[in-house]
Protein backbone atom coordinates (compact mmCIF):
# COMPACT_ATOMS: atom_id res chain seq x y z
CA MET A 1 92.96 88.09 89.30
CA GLU A 2 96.31 86.81 90.26
CA ASN A 3 98.66 88.97 88.20
CA VAL A 4 99.35 90.87 84.99
CA VAL A 5 102.87 90.46 83.63
CA ILE A 6 104.42 92.44 80.78
CA MET A 7 107.52 91.00 79.16
CA GLY A 8 108.75 92.55 75.95
CA CYS A 9 105.67 93.05 73.82
CA ALA A 10 103.60 90.34 75.54
CA CYS A 11 101.10 91.04 78.29
CA VAL A 12 99.97 87.95 80.18
CA ILE A 13 96.90 88.16 82.39
CA ILE A 14 96.99 85.34 84.93
CA SER A 15 93.65 84.41 86.42
CA SER A 16 93.05 83.29 89.96
CA LEU A 17 91.01 80.47 88.36
CA THR A 18 92.11 77.32 86.59
CA PRO A 19 90.65 76.40 83.21
CA GLU A 20 88.96 73.47 84.99
CA GLN A 21 87.18 75.84 87.40
CA ILE A 22 85.91 77.90 84.48
CA GLU A 23 84.74 74.74 82.66
CA ARG A 24 82.98 73.46 85.79
CA THR A 25 81.19 76.79 86.17
CA GLU A 26 80.17 76.73 82.49
CA ARG A 27 78.57 73.31 83.00
CA LEU A 28 76.92 73.76 86.39
CA ALA A 29 76.30 77.49 86.88
CA PRO A 30 76.82 79.38 83.61
CA GLU A 31 75.06 82.45 85.04
CA ALA A 32 78.01 82.87 87.43
CA LEU A 33 80.20 83.67 84.42
CA MET A 34 78.31 86.93 83.85
CA LEU A 35 78.16 90.09 85.91
CA ASP A 36 76.59 93.37 84.80
CA GLY A 37 76.78 92.40 81.13
CA TYR A 38 80.41 91.27 81.28
CA SER A 39 81.33 87.61 80.98
CA ILE A 40 84.32 85.30 81.01
CA GLY A 41 84.88 82.00 79.27
CA LEU A 42 87.49 79.74 77.71
CA ASP A 43 89.15 79.82 74.30
CA ASP A 44 91.48 77.45 72.48
CA GLY A 45 93.65 80.36 71.30
CA PRO A 46 95.66 82.93 73.26
CA GLY A 47 92.55 84.46 74.83
CA ALA A 48 91.08 87.92 74.42
CA VAL A 49 89.75 90.90 76.36
CA GLY A 50 86.93 93.09 75.09
CA ASP A 51 84.29 95.52 76.27
CA ASP A 52 81.72 92.78 76.86
CA GLY A 53 83.90 89.94 78.11
CA ALA A 54 87.16 88.05 78.35
CA LEU A 55 88.17 84.65 77.04
CA PHE A 56 90.91 82.83 78.88
CA SER A 57 93.17 80.43 77.06
CA ARG A 58 93.26 76.77 78.02
CA THR A 59 97.04 77.30 78.20
CA LYS A 60 97.99 77.38 81.85
CA SER A 61 100.48 79.39 83.84
CA ALA A 62 103.24 77.56 85.71
CA ASP A 63 100.89 77.14 88.69
CA GLY A 64 97.95 75.89 86.60
CA LYS A 65 95.95 79.12 86.28
CA ALA A 66 94.09 80.23 83.14
CA THR A 67 95.83 82.93 81.11
CA ILE A 68 95.23 85.54 78.43
CA THR A 69 98.16 86.62 76.28
CA LEU A 70 97.90 89.98 74.54
CA LEU A 71 100.40 91.76 72.36
CA VAL A 72 101.46 95.31 73.14
CA ASP A 73 102.95 97.47 70.39
CA PRO A 74 106.74 97.15 70.76
CA GLU A 75 107.12 100.82 69.81
CA ILE A 76 105.27 101.97 72.93
CA GLU A 77 107.74 102.89 75.64
CA ASP A 78 105.46 102.74 78.70
CA LYS A 79 103.70 99.45 78.08
CA ALA A 80 102.29 99.27 81.63
CA ALA A 81 100.52 102.61 81.17
CA ARG A 82 99.19 101.43 77.81
CA VAL A 83 97.77 98.23 79.33
CA GLN A 84 96.27 100.18 82.24
CA ASN A 85 94.61 102.71 79.94
CA LYS A 86 93.40 100.19 77.39
CA ILE A 87 92.10 97.32 79.56
CA GLY A 88 92.26 98.55 83.17
CA PRO A 89 88.47 98.78 83.67
CA MET A 90 88.04 95.32 82.14
CA LEU A 91 90.62 93.91 84.56
CA LEU A 92 88.42 95.11 87.42
CA LYS A 93 85.40 93.36 85.87
CA ILE A 94 87.39 90.14 85.44
CA GLU A 95 88.49 90.30 89.06
CA ALA A 96 84.90 90.76 90.26
CA LEU A 97 83.75 87.79 88.19
CA GLU A 98 86.55 85.60 89.51
CA LYS A 99 85.51 86.43 93.08
CA GLN A 100 81.91 85.56 92.22
CA ILE A 101 82.98 82.20 90.78
CA LEU A 102 85.29 81.37 93.68
CA GLU A 103 82.45 82.03 96.14
CA GLN A 104 80.42 79.28 94.42
CA GLU A 105 83.30 76.81 94.03
CA GLY A 106 82.39 74.67 97.07
CA ASP A 107 78.76 74.29 95.97
CA LEU A 108 79.81 73.44 92.42
CA LEU A 109 82.22 70.76 93.62
CA LYS A 110 79.39 69.24 95.70
CA LYS A 111 77.05 69.28 92.68
CA GLU A 112 79.72 67.67 90.53
CA LYS A 113 80.29 64.87 93.09
CA GLU A 114 76.54 64.35 93.41
CA ILE A 115 76.22 63.93 89.65
CA GLN A 116 79.21 61.57 89.57
CA SER A 117 77.67 59.42 92.31
CA MET A 118 74.56 58.92 90.18
CA ILE A 119 76.52 57.45 87.28
CA ASN A 120 77.64 53.83 87.34
CA GLN A 121 79.71 52.27 84.63
CA MET A 122 79.44 48.51 84.18
């Protein structure tokens, strides 16, 4: 995972993956999106984090990475501690999955090019 940023009552989780990398993995190696019962995927909304998985938004960060935007209660003074306590273990699972996906990226790009070379448009 690239970063977790808290601004006001928004918490933005910035992936080390782009939405395109997640989509490619979904198409060519969907099993790589799951690790020990936890999975990641894409969502058309703001994204979400739960006990069994995380959905990244198709909305990208400034550098093109997938994001999840969560709201933190504005009344909570120590928002960083709240995020750590509420989703900290899930952040570790997301990070492990991202590493797993990045390890397969080269092979997936080769598979994608191989498939593209088989298709001719006339």
